[in-house]
Amino acid sequence: MLRIKCPYCGTREHTEFTYGEDAKRILPDTDASLDVWNTYVFARHNVAGEHLEYWQHTLGCRAWLKVQRNTLTHTISWIGLPQDTPPQPEEECS
């Protein structure tokens, strides 16, 4: 079971939250073609590994969160507010 740490309510079971969507997707312009909108709505990438997602604490404070989760292990490596950016991994020096 996933446990998500809400910045306002503390750590809670994932059943208190509702998945929103991929946090890296960019909404098309309102005057975009039907093909562009069709792709945005129906074409999804099945990411294996680290993935940035929006979740809402629907049975708690109702805040929206940005969660970085590994889709293979379900390990959560970072949680922030929608305007926050997860820290970038440090690059190795060669």
PDB file of N, CA and C in Angstrom:
ATOM      1  N   MET A   1       0.838  -1.176   0.000  1.00  0.00           N
ATOM      2  CA  MET A   1       0.000   0.000   0.000  1.00  0.00           C
ATOM      3  C   MET A   1       0.884   1.241   0.000  1.00  0.00           C
ATOM      4  N   LEU A   2       0.499   2.209  -0.807  1.00  0.00           N
ATOM      5  CA  LEU A   2       1.214   3.488  -0.836  1.00  0.00           C
ATOM      6  C   LEU A   2       0.843   4.322   0.382  1.00  0.00           C
ATOM      7  N   ARG A   3       1.825   4.995   0.897  1.00  0.00           N
ATOM      8  CA  ARG A   3       1.588   5.971   1.959  1.00  0.00           C
ATOM      9  C   ARG A   3       2.135   7.294   1.436  1.00  0.00           C
ATOM     10  N   ILE A   4       1.261   8.289   1.397  1.00  0.00           N
ATOM     11  CA  ILE A   4       1.610   9.595   0.848  1.00  0.00           C
ATOM     12  C   ILE A   4       1.640  10.600   1.981  1.00  0.00           C
ATOM     13  N   LYS A   5       2.724  11.383   2.039  1.00  0.00           N
ATOM     14  CA  LYS A   5       2.869  12.375   3.107  1.00  0.00           C
ATOM     15  C   LYS A   5       2.329  13.717   2.628  1.00  0.00           C
ATOM     16  N   CYS A   6       1.140  14.054   3.072  1.00  0.00           N
ATOM     17  CA  CYS A   6       0.534  15.345   2.761  1.00  0.00           C
ATOM     18  C   CYS A   6       1.260  16.410   3.585  1.00  0.00           C
ATOM     19  N   PRO A   7       1.668  17.524   2.970  1.00  0.00           N
ATOM     20  CA  PRO A   7       2.375  18.561   3.732  1.00  0.00           C
ATOM     21  C   PRO A   7       1.507  19.209   4.807  1.00  0.00           C
ATOM     22  N   TYR A   8       0.188  19.065   4.711  1.00  0.00           N
ATOM     23  CA  TYR A   8      -0.717  19.673   5.677  1.00  0.00           C
ATOM     24  C   TYR A   8      -1.241  18.696   6.715  1.00  0.00           C
ATOM     25  N   CYS A   9      -1.472  17.431   6.310  1.00  0.00           N
ATOM     26  CA  CYS A   9      -2.119  16.450   7.182  1.00  0.00           C
ATOM     27  C   CYS A   9      -1.189  15.354   7.685  1.00  0.00           C
ATOM     28  N   GLY A  10       0.003  15.259   7.125  1.00  0.00           N
ATOM     29  CA  GLY A  10       0.917  14.196   7.512  1.00  0.00           C
ATOM     30  C   GLY A  10       0.746  12.966   6.622  1.00  0.00           C
ATOM     31  N   THR A  11       1.366  11.875   7.016  1.00  0.00           N
ATOM     32  CA  THR A  11       1.354  10.646   6.217  1.00  0.00           C
ATOM     33  C   THR A  11      -0.004   9.961   6.311  1.00  0.00           C
ATOM     34  N   ARG A  12      -0.543   9.616   5.129  1.00  0.00           N
ATOM     35  CA  ARG A  12      -1.855   8.981   5.043  1.00  0.00           C
ATOM     36  C   ARG A  12      -1.812   7.846   4.022  1.00  0.00           C
ATOM     37  N   GLU A  13      -2.778   6.932   4.125  1.00  0.00           N
ATOM     38  CA  GLU A  13      -2.907   5.839   3.160  1.00  0.00           C
ATOM     39  C   GLU A  13      -3.319   6.417   1.802  1.00  0.00           C
ATOM     40  N   HIS A  14      -2.919   5.754   0.727  1.00  0.00           N
ATOM     41  CA  HIS A  14      -3.228   6.263  -0.615  1.00  0.00           C
ATOM     42  C   HIS A  14      -4.724   6.271  -0.906  1.00  0.00           C
ATOM     43  N   THR A  15      -5.497   5.513  -0.142  1.00  0.00           N
ATOM     44  CA  THR A  15      -6.940   5.471  -0.371  1.00  0.00           C
ATOM     45  C   THR A  15      -7.611   6.807  -0.053  1.00  0.00           C
ATOM     46  N   GLU A  16      -6.910   7.707   0.652  1.00  0.00           N
ATOM     47  CA  GLU A  16      -7.438   9.046   0.924  1.00  0.00           C
ATOM     48  C   GLU A  16      -7.198   9.990  -0.247  1.00  0.00           C
ATOM     49  N   PHE A  17      -6.426   9.545  -1.238  1.00  0.00           N
ATOM     50  CA  PHE A  17      -6.024  10.394  -2.346  1.00  0.00           C
ATOM     51  C   PHE A  17      -6.640   9.905  -3.652  1.00  0.00           C
ATOM     52  N   THR A  18      -6.753  10.818  -4.604  1.00  0.00           N
ATOM     53  CA  THR A  18      -7.218  10.484  -5.947  1.00  0.00           C
ATOM     54  C   THR A  18      -6.137  10.900  -6.935  1.00  0.00           C
ATOM     55  N   TYR A  19      -5.796   9.978  -7.830  1.00  0.00           N
ATOM     56  CA  TYR A  19      -4.805  10.273  -8.860  1.00  0.00           C
ATOM     57  C   TYR A  19      -5.373  11.327  -9.794  1.00  0.00           C
ATOM     58  N   GLY A  20      -4.547  12.323 -10.135  1.00  0.00           N
ATOM     59  CA  GLY A  20      -4.971  13.372 -11.045  1.00  0.00           C
ATOM     60  C   GLY A  20      -4.542  13.081 -12.463  1.00  0.00           C
ATOM     61  N   GLU A  21      -3.250  13.247 -12.734  1.00  0.00           N
ATOM     62  CA  GLU A  21      -2.722  12.971 -14.060  1.00  0.00           C
ATOM     63  C   GLU A  21      -1.213  13.113 -14.055  1.00  0.00           C
ATOM     64  N   ASP A  22      -0.624  12.882 -15.205  1.00  0.00           N
ATOM     65  CA  ASP A  22       0.796  13.066 -15.436  1.00  0.00           C
ATOM     66  C   ASP A  22       1.109  14.547 -15.248  1.00  0.00           C
ATOM     67  N   ALA A  23       2.034  14.877 -14.381  1.00  0.00           N
ATOM     68  CA  ALA A  23       2.348  16.275 -14.079  1.00  0.00           C
ATOM     69  C   ALA A  23       3.256  16.922 -15.117  1.00  0.00           C
ATOM     70  N   LYS A  24       3.736  16.160 -16.083  1.00  0.00           N
ATOM     71  CA  LYS A  24       4.608  16.732 -17.109  1.00  0.00           C
ATOM     72  C   LYS A  24       3.873  17.050 -18.404  1.00  0.00           C
ATOM     73  N   ARG A  25       2.623  16.646 -18.509  1.00  0.00           N
ATOM     74  CA  ARG A  25       1.853  16.921 -19.726  1.00  0.00           C
ATOM     75  C   ARG A  25       1.530  18.405 -19.815  1.00  0.00           C
ATOM     76  N   ILE A  26       1.535  18.922 -21.029  1.00  0.00           N
ATOM     77  CA  ILE A  26       1.256  20.338 -21.262  1.00  0.00           C
ATOM     78  C   ILE A  26      -0.060  20.456 -22.019  1.00  0.00           C
ATOM     79  N   LEU A  27      -0.960  21.254 -21.474  1.00  0.00           N
ATOM     80  CA  LEU A  27      -2.270  21.453 -22.084  1.00  0.00           C
ATOM     81  C   LEU A  27      -2.123  22.173 -23.418  1.00  0.00           C
ATOM     82  N   PRO A  28      -2.757  21.659 -24.489  1.00  0.00           N
ATOM     83  CA  PRO A  28      -2.673  22.330 -25.793  1.00  0.00           C
ATOM     84  C   PRO A  28      -3.404  23.678 -25.770  1.00  0.00           C
ATOM     85  N   ASP A  29      -3.098  24.524 -26.730  1.00  0.00           N
ATOM     86  CA  ASP A  29      -3.823  25.781 -26.891  1.00  0.00           C
ATOM     87  C   ASP A  29      -5.287  25.485 -27.167  1.00  0.00           C
ATOM     88  N   THR A  30      -6.164  26.396 -26.763  1.00  0.00           N
ATOM     89  CA  THR A  30      -7.596  26.174 -26.958  1.00  0.00           C
ATOM     90  C   THR A  30      -7.978  26.093 -28.435  1.00  0.00           C
ATOM     91  N   ASP A  31      -7.191  26.711 -29.302  1.00  0.00           N
ATOM     92  CA  ASP A  31      -7.506  26.666 -30.730  1.00  0.00           C
ATOM     93  C   ASP A  31      -6.719  25.578 -31.474  1.00  0.00           C
ATOM     94  N   ALA A  32      -6.170  24.620 -30.738  1.00  0.00           N
ATOM     95  CA  ALA A  32      -5.415  23.519 -31.358  1.00  0.00           C
ATOM     96  C   ALA A  32      -6.361  22.634 -32.167  1.00  0.00           C
ATOM     97  N   SER A  33      -5.802  21.916 -33.110  1.00  0.00           N
ATOM     98  CA  SER A  33      -6.608  21.048 -33.976  1.00  0.00           C
ATOM     99  C   SER A  33      -7.174  19.865 -33.182  1.00  0.00           C
ATOM    100  N   LEU A  34      -8.181  19.229 -33.780  1.00  0.00           N
ATOM    101  CA  LEU A  34      -8.775  18.049 -33.141  1.00  0.00           C
ATOM    102  C   LEU A  34      -7.764  16.928 -32.983  1.00  0.00           C
ATOM    103  N   ASP A  35      -6.840  16.795 -33.921  1.00  0.00           N
ATOM    104  CA  ASP A  35      -5.799  15.764 -33.809  1.00  0.00           C
ATOM    105  C   ASP A  35      -4.922  16.002 -32.592  1.00  0.00           C
ATOM    106  N   VAL A  36      -4.570  17.257 -32.353  1.00  0.00           N
ATOM    107  CA  VAL A  36      -3.738  17.590 -31.189  1.00  0.00           C
ATOM    108  C   VAL A  36      -4.501  17.275 -29.902  1.00  0.00           C
ATOM    109  N   TRP A  37      -5.770  17.667 -29.837  1.00  0.00           N
ATOM    110  CA  TRP A  37      -6.575  17.390 -28.648  1.00  0.00           C
ATOM    111  C   TRP A  37      -6.809  15.896 -28.465  1.00  0.00           C
ATOM    112  N   ASN A  38      -7.037  15.187 -29.544  1.00  0.00           N
ATOM    113  CA  ASN A  38      -7.216  13.742 -29.475  1.00  0.00           C
ATOM    114  C   ASN A  38      -5.977  13.069 -28.892  1.00  0.00           C
ATOM    115  N   THR A  39      -4.817  13.483 -29.353  1.00  0.00           N
ATOM    116  CA  THR A  39      -3.560  12.936 -28.828  1.00  0.00           C
ATOM    117  C   THR A  39      -3.407  13.269 -27.352  1.00  0.00           C
ATOM    118  N   TYR A  40      -3.711  14.512 -26.967  1.00  0.00           N
ATOM    119  CA  TYR A  40      -3.585  14.927 -25.566  1.00  0.00           C
ATOM    120  C   TYR A  40      -4.499  14.101 -24.658  1.00  0.00           C
ATOM    121  N   VAL A  41      -5.726  13.877 -25.085  1.00  0.00           N
ATOM    122  CA  VAL A  41      -6.708  13.192 -24.239  1.00  0.00           C
ATOM    123  C   VAL A  41      -6.488  11.682 -24.187  1.00  0.00           C
ATOM    124  N   PHE A  42      -6.169  11.067 -25.340  1.00  0.00           N
ATOM    125  CA  PHE A  42      -6.178   9.610 -25.399  1.00  0.00           C
ATOM    126  C   PHE A  42      -4.815   8.935 -25.475  1.00  0.00           C
ATOM    127  N   ALA A  43      -3.788   9.609 -25.950  1.00  0.00           N
ATOM    128  CA  ALA A  43      -2.471   8.974 -26.099  1.00  0.00           C
ATOM    129  C   ALA A  43      -1.652   9.208 -24.837  1.00  0.00           C
ATOM    130  N   ARG A  44      -1.320   8.149 -24.150  1.00  0.00           N
ATOM    131  CA  ARG A  44      -0.552   8.253 -22.902  1.00  0.00           C
ATOM    132  C   ARG A  44       0.725   7.441 -23.017  1.00  0.00           C
ATOM    133  N   HIS A  45       1.749   7.914 -22.347  1.00  0.00           N
ATOM    134  CA  HIS A  45       2.998   7.169 -22.266  1.00  0.00           C
ATOM    135  C   HIS A  45       2.925   6.271 -21.035  1.00  0.00           C
ATOM    136  N   ASN A  46       3.318   5.032 -21.192  1.00  0.00           N
ATOM    137  CA  ASN A  46       3.353   4.099 -20.077  1.00  0.00           C
ATOM    138  C   ASN A  46       4.779   4.100 -19.528  1.00  0.00           C
ATOM    139  N   VAL A  47       5.024   4.996 -18.602  1.00  0.00           N
ATOM    140  CA  VAL A  47       6.364   5.209 -18.069  1.00  0.00           C
ATOM    141  C   VAL A  47       6.752   4.072 -17.127  1.00  0.00           C
ATOM    142  N   ALA A  48       7.935   3.535 -17.322  1.00  0.00           N
ATOM    143  CA  ALA A  48       8.480   2.525 -16.416  1.00  0.00           C
ATOM    144  C   ALA A  48       9.635   3.180 -15.671  1.00  0.00           C
ATOM    145  N   GLY A  49       9.427   3.476 -14.408  1.00  0.00           N
ATOM    146  CA  GLY A  49      10.451   4.157 -13.613  1.00  0.00           C
ATOM    147  C   GLY A  49       9.890   5.417 -12.973  1.00  0.00           C
ATOM    148  N   GLU A  50      10.761   6.390 -12.725  1.00  0.00           N
ATOM    149  CA  GLU A  50      10.362   7.623 -12.058  1.00  0.00           C
ATOM    150  C   GLU A  50       9.346   8.390 -12.901  1.00  0.00           C
ATOM    151  N   HIS A  51       8.272   8.825 -12.240  1.00  0.00           N
ATOM    152  CA  HIS A  51       7.190   9.510 -12.937  1.00  0.00           C
ATOM    153  C   HIS A  51       6.635  10.591 -12.021  1.00  0.00           C
ATOM    154  N   LEU A  52       6.374  11.776 -12.570  1.00  0.00           N
ATOM    155  CA  LEU A  52       5.832  12.893 -11.809  1.00  0.00           C
ATOM    156  C   LEU A  52       4.323  12.947 -12.035  1.00  0.00           C
ATOM    157  N   GLU A  53       3.558  12.939 -10.935  1.00  0.00           N
ATOM    158  CA  GLU A  53       2.104  12.834 -11.022  1.00  0.00           C
ATOM    159  C   GLU A  53       1.436  13.858 -10.109  1.00  0.00           C
ATOM    160  N   TYR A  54       0.189  14.219 -10.454  1.00  0.00           N
ATOM    161  CA  TYR A  54      -0.652  15.027  -9.566  1.00  0.00           C
ATOM    162  C   TYR A  54      -1.580  14.091  -8.805  1.00  0.00           C
ATOM    163  N   TRP A  55      -1.706  14.321  -7.504  1.00  0.00           N
ATOM    164  CA  TRP A  55      -2.641  13.596  -6.652  1.00  0.00           C
ATOM    165  C   TRP A  55      -3.403  14.627  -5.818  1.00  0.00           C
ATOM    166  N   GLN A  56      -4.692  14.354  -5.530  1.00  0.00           N
ATOM    167  CA  GLN A  56      -5.467  15.229  -4.656  1.00  0.00           C
ATOM    168  C   GLN A  56      -5.824  14.490  -3.385  1.00  0.00           C
ATOM    169  N   HIS A  57      -5.664  15.167  -2.253  1.00  0.00           N
ATOM    170  CA  HIS A  57      -6.008  14.583  -0.955  1.00  0.00           C
ATOM    171  C   HIS A  57      -7.524  14.746  -0.749  1.00  0.00           C
ATOM    172  N   THR A  58      -8.302  13.939  -1.455  1.00  0.00           N
ATOM    173  CA  THR A  58      -9.754  14.105  -1.509  1.00  0.00           C
ATOM    174  C   THR A  58     -10.467  13.806  -0.190  1.00  0.00           C
ATOM    175  N   LEU A  59      -9.942  12.894   0.616  1.00  0.00           N
ATOM    176  CA  LEU A  59     -10.595  12.580   1.897  1.00  0.00           C
ATOM    177  C   LEU A  59      -9.907  13.273   3.064  1.00  0.00           C
ATOM    178  N   GLY A  60      -9.131  14.296   2.762  1.00  0.00           N
ATOM    179  CA  GLY A  60      -8.442  15.065   3.795  1.00  0.00           C
ATOM    180  C   GLY A  60      -8.633  16.548   3.525  1.00  0.00           C
ATOM    181  N   CYS A  61      -7.538  17.241   3.366  1.00  0.00           N
ATOM    182  CA  CYS A  61      -7.560  18.695   3.195  1.00  0.00           C
ATOM    183  C   CYS A  61      -7.914  19.138   1.784  1.00  0.00           C
ATOM    184  N   ARG A  62      -8.014  18.207   0.829  1.00  0.00           N
ATOM    185  CA  ARG A  62      -8.371  18.443  -0.573  1.00  0.00           C
ATOM    186  C   ARG A  62      -7.282  19.176  -1.359  1.00  0.00           C
ATOM    187  N   ALA A  63      -6.090  19.271  -0.804  1.00  0.00           N
ATOM    188  CA  ALA A  63      -4.974  19.922  -1.494  1.00  0.00           C
ATOM    189  C   ALA A  63      -4.488  19.052  -2.646  1.00  0.00           C
ATOM    190  N   TRP A  64      -4.004  19.709  -3.703  1.00  0.00           N
ATOM    191  CA  TRP A  64      -3.359  19.010  -4.811  1.00  0.00           C
ATOM    192  C   TRP A  64      -1.875  18.913  -4.516  1.00  0.00           C
ATOM    193  N   LEU A  65      -1.292  17.761  -4.799  1.00  0.00           N
ATOM    194  CA  LEU A  65       0.124  17.518  -4.559  1.00  0.00           C
ATOM    195  C   LEU A  65       0.786  17.053  -5.840  1.00  0.00           C
ATOM    196  N   LYS A  66       2.078  17.279  -5.925  1.00  0.00           N
ATOM    197  CA  LYS A  66       2.876  16.731  -7.014  1.00  0.00           C
ATOM    198  C   LYS A  66       3.724  15.639  -6.381  1.00  0.00           C
ATOM    199  N   VAL A  67       3.642  14.430  -6.912  1.00  0.00           N
ATOM    200  CA  VAL A  67       4.299  13.263  -6.329  1.00  0.00           C
ATOM    201  C   VAL A  67       5.206  12.625  -7.378  1.00  0.00           C
ATOM    202  N   GLN A  68       6.446  12.376  -6.991  1.00  0.00           N
ATOM    203  CA  GLN A  68       7.353  11.639  -7.869  1.00  0.00           C
ATOM    204  C   GLN A  68       7.393  10.205  -7.366  1.00  0.00           C
ATOM    205  N   ARG A  69       6.938   9.277  -8.238  1.00  0.00           N
ATOM    206  CA  ARG A  69       6.766   7.879  -7.845  1.00  0.00           C
ATOM    207  C   ARG A  69       7.400   6.977  -8.886  1.00  0.00           C
ATOM    208  N   ASN A  70       8.027   5.909  -8.425  1.00  0.00           N
ATOM    209  CA  ASN A  70       8.561   4.905  -9.327  1.00  0.00           C
ATOM    210  C   ASN A  70       7.413   3.966  -9.676  1.00  0.00           C
ATOM    211  N   THR A  71       7.070   3.877 -10.960  1.00  0.00           N
ATOM    212  CA  THR A  71       5.924   3.067 -11.364  1.00  0.00           C
ATOM    213  C   THR A  71       6.193   1.568 -11.300  1.00  0.00           C
ATOM    214  N   LEU A  72       7.440   1.183 -11.171  1.00  0.00           N
ATOM    215  CA  LEU A  72       7.771  -0.243 -11.054  1.00  0.00           C
ATOM    216  C   LEU A  72       7.717  -0.723  -9.609  1.00  0.00           C
ATOM    217  N   THR A  73       8.200   0.099  -8.677  1.00  0.00           N
ATOM    218  CA  THR A  73       8.261  -0.299  -7.271  1.00  0.00           C
ATOM    219  C   THR A  73       7.232   0.413  -6.400  1.00  0.00           C
ATOM    220  N   HIS A  74       6.598   1.439  -6.926  1.00  0.00           N
ATOM    221  CA  HIS A  74       5.649   2.303  -6.209  1.00  0.00           C
ATOM    222  C   HIS A  74       6.315   3.067  -5.072  1.00  0.00           C
ATOM    223  N   THR A  75       7.625   3.198  -5.110  1.00  0.00           N
ATOM    224  CA  THR A  75       8.341   3.977  -4.112  1.00  0.00           C
ATOM    225  C   THR A  75       8.180   5.454  -4.426  1.00  0.00           C
ATOM    226  N   ILE A  76       7.798   6.224  -3.419  1.00  0.00           N
ATOM    227  CA  ILE A  76       7.655   7.666  -3.582  1.00  0.00           C
ATOM    228  C   ILE A  76       8.954   8.320  -3.145  1.00  0.00           C
ATOM    229  N   SER A  77       9.577   9.066  -4.062  1.00  0.00           N
ATOM    230  CA  SER A  77      10.873   9.681  -3.765  1.00  0.00           C
ATOM    231  C   SER A  77      10.768  11.170  -3.448  1.00  0.00           C
ATOM    232  N   TRP A  78       9.630  11.801  -3.763  1.00  0.00           N
ATOM    233  CA  TRP A  78       9.494  13.231  -3.504  1.00  0.00           C
ATOM    234  C   TRP A  78       8.026  13.612  -3.535  1.00  0.00           C
ATOM    235  N   ILE A  79       7.633  14.547  -2.669  1.00  0.00           N
ATOM    236  CA  ILE A  79       6.275  15.085  -2.640  1.00  0.00           C
ATOM    237  C   ILE A  79       6.374  16.593  -2.445  1.00  0.00           C
ATOM    238  N   GLY A  80       5.607  17.335  -3.220  1.00  0.00           N
ATOM    239  CA  GLY A  80       5.588  18.786  -3.087  1.00  0.00           C
ATOM    240  C   GLY A  80       4.236  19.335  -3.500  1.00  0.00           C
ATOM    241  N   LEU A  81       4.143  20.646  -3.492  1.00  0.00           N
ATOM    242  CA  LEU A  81       2.939  21.320  -3.957  1.00  0.00           C
ATOM    243  C   LEU A  81       3.015  21.477  -5.471  1.00  0.00           C
ATOM    244  N   PRO A  82       1.895  21.738  -6.142  1.00  0.00           N
ATOM    245  CA  PRO A  82       1.908  21.803  -7.603  1.00  0.00           C
ATOM    246  C   PRO A  82       2.925  22.778  -8.194  1.00  0.00           C
ATOM    247  N   GLN A  83       3.221  23.859  -7.514  1.00  0.00           N
ATOM    248  CA  GLN A  83       4.185  24.826  -8.041  1.00  0.00           C
ATOM    249  C   GLN A  83       5.633  24.433  -7.766  1.00  0.00           C
ATOM    250  N   ASP A  84       5.867  23.413  -6.948  1.00  0.00           N
ATOM    251  CA  ASP A  84       7.224  22.981  -6.601  1.00  0.00           C
ATOM    252  C   ASP A  84       7.826  22.105  -7.692  1.00  0.00           C
ATOM    253  N   THR A  85       9.143  22.091  -7.730  1.00  0.00           N
ATOM    254  CA  THR A  85       9.888  21.261  -8.679  1.00  0.00           C
ATOM    255  C   THR A  85      10.752  20.293  -7.892  1.00  0.00           C
ATOM    256  N   PRO A  86      10.722  19.001  -8.236  1.00  0.00           N
ATOM    257  CA  PRO A  86      11.555  18.041  -7.506  1.00  0.00           C
ATOM    258  C   PRO A  86      13.032  18.331  -7.740  1.00  0.00           C
ATOM    259  N   PRO A  87      13.866  18.029  -6.755  1.00  0.00           N
ATOM    260  CA  PRO A  87      15.299  18.234  -6.944  1.00  0.00           C
ATOM    261  C   PRO A  87      15.833  17.335  -8.045  1.00  0.00           C
ATOM    262  N   GLN A  88      16.741  17.868  -8.818  1.00  0.00           N
ATOM    263  CA  GLN A  88      17.360  17.101  -9.908  1.00  0.00           C
ATOM    264  C   GLN A  88      18.470  16.227  -9.311  1.00  0.00           C
ATOM    265  N   PRO A  89      18.593  14.992  -9.802  1.00  0.00           N
ATOM    266  CA  PRO A  89      19.681  14.138  -9.306  1.00  0.00           C
ATOM    267  C   PRO A  89      21.025  14.759  -9.661  1.00  0.00           C
ATOM    268  N   GLU A  90      21.960  14.634  -8.736  1.00  0.00           N
ATOM    269  CA  GLU A  90      23.290  15.182  -8.982  1.00  0.00           C
ATOM    270  C   GLU A  90      23.992  14.351 -10.037  1.00  0.00           C
ATOM    271  N   GLU A  91      24.661  15.047 -10.962  1.00  0.00           N
ATOM    272  CA  GLU A  91      25.394  14.358 -12.011  1.00  0.00           C
ATOM    273  C   GLU A  91      26.745  13.904 -11.474  1.00  0.00           C
ATOM    274  N   GLU A  92      27.155  12.731 -11.937  1.00  0.00           N
ATOM    275  CA  GLU A  92      28.439  12.198 -11.511  1.00  0.00           C
ATOM    276  C   GLU A  92      29.564  12.879 -12.274  1.00  0.00           C
ATOM    277  N   CYS A  93      30.647  13.160 -11.568  1.00  0.00           N
ATOM    278  CA  CYS A  93      31.824  13.745 -12.223  1.00  0.00           C
ATOM    279  C   CYS A  93      32.686  12.627 -12.779  1.00  0.00           C
ATOM    280  N   SER A  94      33.131  12.795 -14.008  1.00  0.00           N
ATOM    281  CA  SER A  94      33.988  11.763 -14.622  1.00  0.00           C
ATOM    282  C   SER A  94      35.429  12.148 -14.570  1.00  0.00           C
TER     283      SER A  94
END
